[in-house]
Structures are given as C-alpha cells and as structure tokens.
Amino acid sequence: MQPFPISVSDDVLDDLRARLTRTRFTTPSASAWGAGVDPGYLASLVDYWANDFDWRAAEARLNEYPQFVDRGQHFVHLRRDPTRPPVLLAHGWPSSFVEMLPLADLLDVDVVIPSLPGFLFSELVDGPLTRAAIAEAFHVLMTETLGYDRYFAFGGDIGGAASTWLATMHPNEVAGLHLIHGAFPADFDASPITPDEQAFLDAEAAYDEGDEGYSSIMGTRPDTIAAALVDSPAGLAAWIVDKYRDWSDCGGDVESRFDRDALCTILTLYWATGSIGTSFRQYLDFPHNAKRPTVTVPTAVTLSCEPGMRGFPRSIVERAVTDLRHYSEPGRGGHFLAFEEPQLAADELGAFMRSVG
C-alpha cells in the first residue's frame, strides 16, 4: 500500500490545451441538446477548459484527501472513527471517486472510496470485468489491505451493482448495503409481475430506445469509440457531459448541478489517465455476469431522481432482498446523487448505518 499523490505533468497539460484550442465543432443536427451534446455549449465548455480552468488548484484540492494504491487499486482512505464499521463508497460510469468526496466530507466514520477497476488510476482485474470481480477486488481492499472485519457498502450504477454482489458474496463481513438504484432480482419467476412492475419495465424499455446508443457501442465496439475519445479531449467531454446532463436531476441545465470546475476536473482525470477505453470494459464483459443470488444483509434504498428510475416500484427491490430496512423516494438528486445532494445522501446513509450498528 503506497501513498498516491496525483501529479499530472506539464507536458500532458500543455498537449491538452493545444488539442482543445484546435477543436473542430460539428454542425447541430437538431435544436439544442436534441441530438446529443449541444455544439454551442460544448464550444463554451472547451474554451473554459483550455483557458480558464486551473488544474493545479483542482489537483491540490484532490491531494488534500489521502490516496493510496495497493495491488493496482487506487483509493481514498479517510480515518474518522475506528470503533465503528467503515463505509465503502462505490461510484459508477461515467464517474470517478470525485463523485463521492462531498458525501465523504459529511460522514463521521472511516470512509474508503475506490476507483473502479479500469477507471483513472486503478488497473483492470485479471479476467472478465464482471460485477462479482469488481466486488471481490473491493473486498480484498477492505479486508486484506485495510484490515476491516466488517463494513458497509454504498453506491449506485456499476458501483451499486458491485456492492450488491459484495453483500451476497460476503454477508458476514458486509454489515449493510445502501443503494441509490433499486436492486433487481435475478429473475421474476417467484411470483407474477404486478401491473406497477410491468409499467416500469415497459417505461424503462421505452427510455432505453433513445438512451442506449452509448452502451450499445461500448458493449460491442468499445475500441472504435475509445480511439476517438482518447485522442480528442472535446470528444471525451461530449461523451461524458452528455450523461451528466441526461442522468442528473438538473432540469436540462447541467451546470445547475455541476459547475465547470467540477466537470473539467473529472474530464482532466479521464484525459490524463487515458482510461476512457478501459472504463468501457465492464460493458464489453457484461455477458459474463452470472445471476446474482438474493441479498440477505440489511439493505436501504434512497431512490435517485432520474429518467431511468422514474416510476420504480419498491416491490422490485423486495424481490431482490430479504431484509429491506429503509426505502425512500426523496424526489431530488439523480444518477450522481452523492455529488448532487451530498447532505441528503449523508443523512440517509448515516441514519441507516446507525440503525444497523
């Protein structure tokens, strides 16, 4: 386990600015944001990234958090209270450990924030990057590297799915599971699908028709799109910011939830590490995922407010878990809930951990 200060070289930053200043922008295909990222907005963000964003200040802020690397796994480790179980905060895509820092600041227990395998400074695991493989990497980090006997897990998206696998693979060590995206059962065979469940599944399928293009290409031709994104910072920005706008609770104004410095910090991390392509690996490897067993550890859900979760029925979670201790729909905070509503997330997570003990 080695301390890991982030340090991006001047050469990388100079090359980044040069590429940004030479960006060519596409002609809009529809009204603003009607066919993806609005070219006008992208041009404004690229100009800010090239000329006004202070990476060194952002880098210094990130390095205020103690970071380490062990066996190729990058993580933040905040020591607060050794008498209570810690919590692992697991991000998703297209995110990073940065998403969890505002939440971590508000918690009074030890906090561990890993970068997912293949994301930023974390290496890929051996073999297919399944949710179970990510979970096992996290468990090794928590138990072997850091020596915790018992811990909580919190997350959404890929991180939430991996945390759910953690709870099924290591129920004696996982004290509780807190999700922002409701867990799905392995199948719906136990009882007939209810009208509310069918309505949600139909709405989800309809939403995916207009949203799943990104995942289709990342799951079938990841190296093709990665070749463009790893070479063009403006393209990288478009690919990532598109999802920050669509999936957050921002009402169409992405900067109402994420200021430009936050966006440029995340973009610079992806750019400097060249990890956008490896962040796609879990999409390509998705068919290798097995059916996940039922979750038996205490579970809480704070449902995110985003298009893909609209109308999500509690009964789906109740099919997937046997000990649902808390379920809430606060109606605010989207796919990046810990970043968008850190106080809400801290209140809900803190109350859940205290109730479990």
Protein backbone atom coordinates (compact mmCIF):
# COMPACT_ATOMS: atom_id res chain seq x y z
CA MET A 1 0.00 0.00 0.00
CA GLN A 2 1.71 3.15 -1.24
CA PRO A 3 0.67 6.80 -0.84
CA PHE A 4 -0.50 8.19 -4.16
CA PRO A 5 -0.43 11.93 -4.80
CA ILE A 6 -1.98 12.91 -8.13
CA SER A 7 0.59 14.64 -10.33
CA VAL A 8 -0.16 15.43 -13.96
CA SER A 9 2.91 16.58 -15.87
CA ASP A 10 3.17 19.97 -17.54
CA ASP A 11 3.71 18.22 -20.86
CA VAL A 12 0.34 16.47 -20.58
CA LEU A 13 -1.39 19.71 -19.68
CA ASP A 14 0.30 21.65 -22.49
CA ASP A 15 -0.71 18.98 -25.00
CA LEU A 16 -4.27 19.03 -23.66
CA ARG A 17 -4.59 22.80 -24.09
CA ALA A 18 -3.14 22.63 -27.58
CA ARG A 19 -5.68 19.99 -28.61
CA LEU A 20 -8.54 21.92 -27.05
CA THR A 21 -7.63 25.11 -28.90
CA ARG A 22 -7.62 23.24 -32.22
CA THR A 23 -11.05 21.63 -31.70
CA ARG A 24 -13.41 21.47 -34.67
CA PHE A 25 -17.09 21.53 -33.73
CA THR A 26 -19.90 19.81 -35.56
CA THR A 27 -22.99 21.43 -37.06
CA PRO A 28 -26.08 20.92 -34.88
CA SER A 29 -28.40 18.17 -36.11
CA ALA A 30 -31.41 19.38 -34.14
CA SER A 31 -32.45 22.02 -31.64
CA ALA A 32 -30.19 22.49 -28.62
CA TRP A 33 -29.45 19.13 -26.94
CA GLY A 34 -31.98 17.46 -29.23
CA ALA A 35 -29.44 15.11 -30.79
CA GLY A 36 -26.83 14.87 -28.05
CA VAL A 37 -24.49 17.48 -26.64
CA ASP A 38 -25.27 20.96 -27.93
CA PRO A 39 -22.25 22.09 -30.03
CA GLY A 40 -22.60 25.64 -28.76
CA TYR A 41 -22.43 24.55 -25.15
CA LEU A 42 -19.55 22.22 -25.90
CA ALA A 43 -17.60 25.04 -27.55
CA SER A 44 -18.09 27.20 -24.46
CA LEU A 45 -17.02 24.41 -22.11
CA VAL A 46 -13.96 23.58 -24.22
CA ASP A 47 -12.94 27.25 -24.21
CA TYR A 48 -13.22 27.33 -20.42
CA TRP A 49 -11.29 24.08 -20.06
CA ALA A 50 -8.48 25.40 -22.26
CA ASN A 51 -8.21 28.97 -20.99
CA ASP A 52 -9.78 29.41 -17.55
CA PHE A 53 -9.74 26.11 -15.70
CA ASP A 54 -6.96 25.86 -13.10
CA TRP A 55 -5.98 22.19 -12.97
CA ARG A 56 -3.20 22.78 -10.46
CA ALA A 57 -5.71 24.21 -7.97
CA ALA A 58 -8.03 21.25 -8.57
CA GLU A 59 -5.12 18.83 -8.23
CA ALA A 60 -4.13 20.41 -4.91
CA ARG A 61 -7.71 20.07 -3.61
CA LEU A 62 -7.83 16.40 -4.58
CA ASN A 63 -4.49 15.76 -2.91
CA GLU A 64 -5.89 17.00 0.39
CA TYR A 65 -7.57 13.60 0.53
CA PRO A 66 -5.22 10.74 1.49
CA GLN A 67 -4.93 8.47 -1.54
CA PHE A 68 -3.17 5.15 -1.97
CA VAL A 69 -2.55 2.37 -4.46
CA ASP A 70 -2.38 -1.29 -3.49
CA ARG A 71 -2.14 -4.16 -6.00
CA GLY A 72 -3.14 -1.78 -8.76
CA GLN A 73 -6.21 -0.50 -6.85
CA HIS A 74 -6.45 3.27 -6.30
CA PHE A 75 -8.50 4.53 -3.37
CA VAL A 76 -9.12 7.36 -0.93
CA HIS A 77 -8.99 6.41 2.76
CA LEU A 78 -10.35 8.76 5.42
CA ARG A 79 -9.82 7.67 9.03
CA ARG A 80 -12.52 9.03 11.35
CA ASP A 81 -13.76 6.55 13.97
CA PRO A 82 -12.03 3.15 14.36
CA THR A 83 -14.71 1.96 16.81
CA ARG A 84 -17.43 1.79 14.14
CA PRO A 85 -17.64 -0.13 10.87
CA PRO A 86 -16.37 1.92 7.90
CA VAL A 87 -18.23 2.50 4.67
CA LEU A 88 -17.10 1.83 1.13
CA LEU A 89 -18.47 4.37 -1.39
CA ALA A 90 -18.61 2.94 -4.92
CA HIS A 91 -19.11 5.15 -7.97
CA GLY A 92 -20.44 4.25 -11.41
CA TRP A 93 -19.95 5.33 -15.03
CA PRO A 94 -19.06 7.89 -16.34
CA SER A 95 -17.94 8.93 -12.93
CA SER A 96 -14.97 8.72 -10.59
CA PHE A 97 -14.01 8.79 -6.95
CA VAL A 98 -14.52 12.58 -7.12
CA GLU A 99 -18.28 11.99 -7.09
CA MET A 100 -18.10 10.62 -3.54
CA LEU A 101 -15.89 13.25 -1.92
CA PRO A 102 -18.69 15.70 -0.93
CA LEU A 103 -20.53 12.83 0.75
CA ALA A 104 -17.36 11.58 2.45
CA ASP A 105 -16.78 15.03 3.92
CA LEU A 106 -20.08 14.76 5.83
CA LEU A 107 -19.63 11.28 7.32
CA ASP A 108 -18.24 10.58 10.81
CA VAL A 109 -16.96 7.04 10.17
CA ASP A 110 -13.94 5.73 8.29
CA VAL A 111 -14.53 6.11 4.55
CA VAL A 112 -12.97 4.20 1.65
CA ILE A 113 -13.55 5.38 -1.93
CA PRO A 114 -12.03 3.09 -4.56
CA SER A 115 -11.67 3.92 -8.22
CA LEU A 116 -13.39 1.14 -10.13
CA PRO A 117 -11.01 -1.26 -11.90
CA GLY A 118 -10.02 0.28 -15.24
CA PHE A 119 -11.07 3.78 -14.11
CA LEU A 120 -8.47 6.54 -13.71
CA PHE A 121 -5.59 5.20 -11.59
CA SER A 122 -6.96 1.68 -10.97
CA GLU A 123 -5.76 -1.21 -13.11
CA LEU A 124 -8.10 -3.76 -14.65
CA VAL A 125 -8.54 -7.05 -12.81
CA ASP A 126 -7.48 -10.33 -14.38
CA GLY A 127 -10.25 -11.95 -16.39
CA PRO A 128 -13.66 -10.54 -17.35
CA LEU A 129 -14.65 -7.37 -15.52
CA THR A 130 -17.90 -8.64 -14.01
CA ARG A 131 -19.78 -7.12 -11.09
CA ALA A 132 -18.58 -10.05 -8.98
CA ALA A 133 -14.96 -9.44 -9.99
CA ILE A 134 -15.27 -5.78 -9.00
CA ALA A 135 -16.86 -6.83 -5.73
CA GLU A 136 -14.03 -9.22 -4.95
CA ALA A 137 -11.44 -6.51 -5.65
CA PHE A 138 -13.30 -4.23 -3.23
CA HIS A 139 -13.47 -6.95 -0.58
CA VAL A 140 -9.73 -7.59 -0.82
CA LEU A 141 -9.16 -3.86 -0.40
CA MET A 142 -11.40 -3.62 2.68
CA THR A 143 -10.27 -6.80 4.46
CA GLU A 144 -6.74 -7.67 3.34
CA THR A 145 -5.32 -4.24 2.54
CA LEU A 146 -7.09 -2.17 5.21
CA GLY A 147 -7.84 -4.90 7.74
CA TYR A 148 -11.51 -4.22 8.38
CA ASP A 149 -13.56 -7.14 9.71
CA ARG A 150 -16.95 -5.60 8.92
CA TYR A 151 -18.05 -2.72 6.70
CA PHE A 152 -20.96 -1.04 4.93
CA ALA A 153 -21.21 -0.53 1.17
CA PHE A 154 -22.94 2.35 -0.62
CA GLY A 155 -23.30 3.02 -4.31
CA GLY A 156 -25.29 3.26 -7.49
CA ASP A 157 -24.96 2.15 -11.11
CA ILE A 158 -21.92 -0.15 -11.55
CA GLY A 159 -20.72 0.59 -8.02
CA GLY A 160 -24.14 -0.22 -6.63
CA ALA A 161 -24.31 -3.47 -8.60
CA ALA A 162 -20.84 -4.46 -7.42
CA SER A 163 -21.79 -3.57 -3.84
CA THR A 164 -24.88 -5.77 -4.15
CA TRP A 165 -22.66 -8.65 -5.24
CA LEU A 166 -20.43 -7.89 -2.25
CA ALA A 167 -23.42 -8.36 0.03
CA THR A 168 -24.22 -11.76 -1.48
CA MET A 169 -20.63 -12.99 -1.63
CA HIS A 170 -19.53 -11.82 1.83
CA PRO A 171 -22.64 -11.44 4.01
CA ASN A 172 -20.68 -11.96 7.23
CA GLU A 173 -18.40 -9.01 6.53
CA VAL A 174 -20.88 -6.63 4.84
CA ALA A 175 -22.82 -5.04 7.69
CA GLY A 176 -25.31 -3.34 5.38
CA LEU A 177 -25.95 -2.30 1.79
CA HIS A 178 -27.22 1.16 0.75
CA LEU A 179 -28.24 1.73 -2.88
CA ILE A 180 -29.47 4.68 -4.90
CA HIS A 181 -30.71 2.45 -7.74
CA GLY A 182 -33.11 -0.27 -6.67
CA ALA A 183 -31.72 -3.78 -6.88
CA PHE A 184 -33.30 -6.14 -9.41
CA PRO A 185 -33.89 -9.84 -8.73
CA ALA A 186 -32.10 -12.43 -10.84
CA ASP A 187 -35.50 -13.13 -12.42
CA PHE A 188 -39.20 -12.52 -11.87
CA ASP A 189 -40.17 -16.19 -11.58
CA ALA A 190 -41.07 -16.21 -7.88
CA SER A 191 -44.45 -14.53 -8.43
CA PRO A 192 -46.36 -12.91 -11.31
CA ILE A 193 -45.20 -9.46 -12.38
CA THR A 194 -47.52 -6.81 -10.95
CA PRO A 195 -49.12 -4.07 -13.08
CA ASP A 196 -46.83 -1.45 -11.46
CA GLU A 197 -43.76 -3.56 -12.18
CA GLN A 198 -44.80 -4.14 -15.79
CA ALA A 199 -45.49 -0.43 -16.26
CA PHE A 200 -41.99 0.38 -15.03
CA LEU A 201 -40.33 -2.29 -17.17
CA ASP A 202 -42.19 -1.02 -20.24
CA ALA A 203 -41.24 2.60 -19.47
CA GLU A 204 -37.62 1.60 -18.92
CA ALA A 205 -37.53 -0.19 -22.28
CA ALA A 206 -39.04 2.86 -23.99
CA TYR A 207 -36.49 5.17 -22.37
CA ASP A 208 -33.64 2.88 -23.37
CA GLU A 209 -34.63 3.17 -27.04
CA GLY A 210 -33.43 6.75 -27.03
CA ASP A 211 -30.65 6.42 -24.49
CA GLU A 212 -28.88 3.11 -25.02
CA GLY A 213 -26.79 4.05 -28.06
CA TYR A 214 -23.81 4.80 -25.83
CA SER A 215 -23.96 1.40 -24.11
CA SER A 216 -24.55 -0.48 -27.36
CA ILE A 217 -21.35 0.79 -28.90
CA MET A 218 -19.35 0.47 -25.66
CA GLY A 219 -20.57 -3.09 -25.29
CA THR A 220 -19.85 -4.16 -28.87
CA ARG A 221 -17.21 -1.83 -30.35
CA PRO A 222 -15.51 -0.15 -27.39
CA ASP A 223 -12.12 0.19 -29.05
CA THR A 224 -13.67 2.01 -32.00
CA ILE A 225 -15.21 4.81 -29.96
CA ALA A 226 -12.32 4.84 -27.47
CA ALA A 227 -9.89 5.57 -30.32
CA ALA A 228 -11.68 8.85 -30.90
CA LEU A 229 -12.20 9.79 -27.26
CA VAL A 230 -8.66 9.07 -26.10
CA ASP A 231 -7.35 11.32 -28.88
CA SER A 232 -9.84 14.19 -28.69
CA PRO A 233 -10.48 15.93 -25.37
CA ALA A 234 -13.50 17.71 -26.86
CA GLY A 235 -14.93 14.38 -27.93
CA LEU A 236 -14.25 12.99 -24.46
CA ALA A 237 -16.07 15.96 -22.94
CA ALA A 238 -19.07 15.46 -25.22
CA TRP A 239 -19.31 11.74 -24.40
CA ILE A 240 -19.19 12.31 -20.64
CA VAL A 241 -21.09 15.59 -20.23
CA ASP A 242 -23.98 14.19 -22.29
CA LYS A 243 -24.64 11.73 -19.45
CA TYR A 244 -24.06 14.22 -16.65
CA ARG A 245 -26.85 16.30 -18.16
CA ASP A 246 -29.24 13.49 -19.09
CA TRP A 247 -28.94 11.44 -15.90
CA SER A 248 -28.67 14.13 -13.23
CA ASP A 249 -31.55 15.96 -11.59
CA CYS A 250 -30.64 19.19 -13.37
CA GLY A 251 -33.76 20.05 -15.36
CA GLY A 252 -31.72 20.30 -18.56
CA ASP A 253 -29.14 22.72 -17.09
CA VAL A 254 -26.09 20.59 -16.33
CA GLU A 255 -24.26 23.45 -14.59
CA SER A 256 -27.08 23.80 -12.06
CA ARG A 257 -25.68 20.58 -10.55
CA PHE A 258 -22.03 20.56 -11.61
CA ASP A 259 -20.04 23.74 -12.02
CA ARG A 260 -17.46 23.95 -14.77
CA ASP A 261 -14.55 23.37 -12.45
CA ALA A 262 -16.11 20.09 -11.28
CA LEU A 263 -16.76 18.97 -14.86
CA CYS A 264 -13.27 19.93 -16.00
CA THR A 265 -11.70 18.17 -13.01
CA ILE A 266 -13.40 14.91 -13.95
CA LEU A 267 -12.58 15.36 -17.63
CA THR A 268 -8.93 16.10 -16.92
CA LEU A 269 -8.62 12.97 -14.78
CA TYR A 270 -10.03 10.82 -17.57
CA TRP A 271 -7.80 12.56 -20.11
CA ALA A 272 -4.57 12.42 -18.12
CA THR A 273 -5.00 8.73 -17.30
CA GLY A 274 -6.17 7.76 -20.79
CA SER A 275 -8.66 5.46 -19.09
CA ILE A 276 -11.86 6.11 -21.01
CA GLY A 277 -11.35 2.93 -23.02
CA THR A 278 -10.73 0.70 -20.01
CA SER A 279 -13.77 2.25 -18.29
CA PHE A 280 -15.80 0.60 -21.06
CA ARG A 281 -14.53 -2.89 -20.24
CA GLN A 282 -17.37 -3.78 -17.92
CA TYR A 283 -19.82 -3.08 -20.78
CA LEU A 284 -17.98 -5.44 -23.13
CA ASP A 285 -17.72 -8.07 -20.41
CA PHE A 286 -21.33 -7.74 -19.26
CA PRO A 287 -22.40 -11.10 -20.79
CA HIS A 288 -20.00 -12.83 -18.38
CA ASN A 289 -22.10 -11.77 -15.38
CA ALA A 290 -23.90 -14.62 -13.64
CA LYS A 291 -27.31 -14.44 -11.98
CA ARG A 292 -26.88 -12.78 -8.62
CA PRO A 293 -28.25 -14.53 -5.50
CA THR A 294 -30.80 -12.90 -3.22
CA VAL A 295 -29.41 -10.28 -0.84
CA THR A 296 -29.83 -11.19 2.84
CA VAL A 297 -27.91 -8.38 4.60
CA PRO A 298 -29.73 -5.27 5.90
CA THR A 299 -30.47 -3.07 2.90
CA ALA A 300 -31.52 0.55 2.38
CA VAL A 301 -32.59 2.31 -0.80
CA THR A 302 -32.61 6.05 -1.40
CA LEU A 303 -34.04 6.15 -4.90
CA SER A 304 -32.37 8.56 -7.31
CA CYS A 305 -34.46 11.05 -9.26
CA GLU A 306 -33.54 10.38 -12.90
CA PRO A 307 -35.35 9.28 -16.05
CA GLY A 308 -34.31 5.64 -15.80
CA MET A 309 -35.70 5.31 -12.27
CA ARG A 310 -39.00 7.10 -12.82
CA GLY A 311 -41.88 5.00 -11.52
CA PHE A 312 -39.61 2.37 -10.00
CA PRO A 313 -41.74 0.21 -7.67
CA ARG A 314 -40.49 -0.83 -4.26
CA SER A 315 -41.76 -4.35 -4.92
CA ILE A 316 -38.88 -4.98 -7.36
CA VAL A 317 -36.37 -4.41 -4.56
CA GLU A 318 -38.40 -6.64 -2.28
CA ARG A 319 -37.96 -9.43 -4.81
CA ALA A 320 -34.17 -8.98 -4.67
CA VAL A 321 -33.55 -8.53 -0.92
CA THR A 322 -34.92 -10.21 2.20
CA ASP A 323 -34.15 -7.53 4.79
CA LEU A 324 -35.17 -4.12 3.43
CA ARG A 325 -34.73 -1.76 6.38
CA HIS A 326 -35.32 1.57 4.63
CA TYR A 327 -36.82 2.76 1.35
CA SER A 328 -37.27 6.41 0.38
CA GLU A 329 -38.00 8.46 -2.72
CA PRO A 330 -36.78 11.98 -1.88
CA GLY A 331 -37.55 13.28 -5.37
CA ARG A 332 -34.23 15.03 -5.84
CA GLY A 333 -30.69 14.01 -6.69
CA GLY A 334 -30.06 11.99 -9.83
CA HIS A 335 -27.62 9.37 -11.08
CA PHE A 336 -24.76 11.13 -9.27
CA LEU A 337 -26.74 11.59 -6.04
CA ALA A 338 -23.74 11.75 -3.71
CA PHE A 339 -22.37 14.64 -5.80
CA GLU A 340 -25.71 16.35 -6.42
CA GLU A 341 -27.22 16.04 -2.93
CA PRO A 342 -24.40 15.15 -0.52
CA GLN A 343 -26.28 16.24 2.60
CA LEU A 344 -29.30 14.14 1.66
CA ALA A 345 -27.07 11.15 0.97
CA ALA A 346 -25.17 11.66 4.23
CA ASP A 347 -28.37 11.92 6.28
CA GLU A 348 -29.86 8.78 4.75
CA LEU A 349 -26.66 6.74 4.85
CA GLY A 350 -25.73 7.89 8.35
CA ALA A 351 -29.16 7.03 9.73
CA PHE A 352 -29.06 3.60 8.10
CA MET A 353 -25.62 2.76 9.46
CA ARG A 354 -26.57 3.87 12.96
CA SER A 355 -29.75 1.77 12.85
CA VAL A 356 -27.80 -1.34 11.89
CA GLY A 357 -24.90 -0.70 14.28
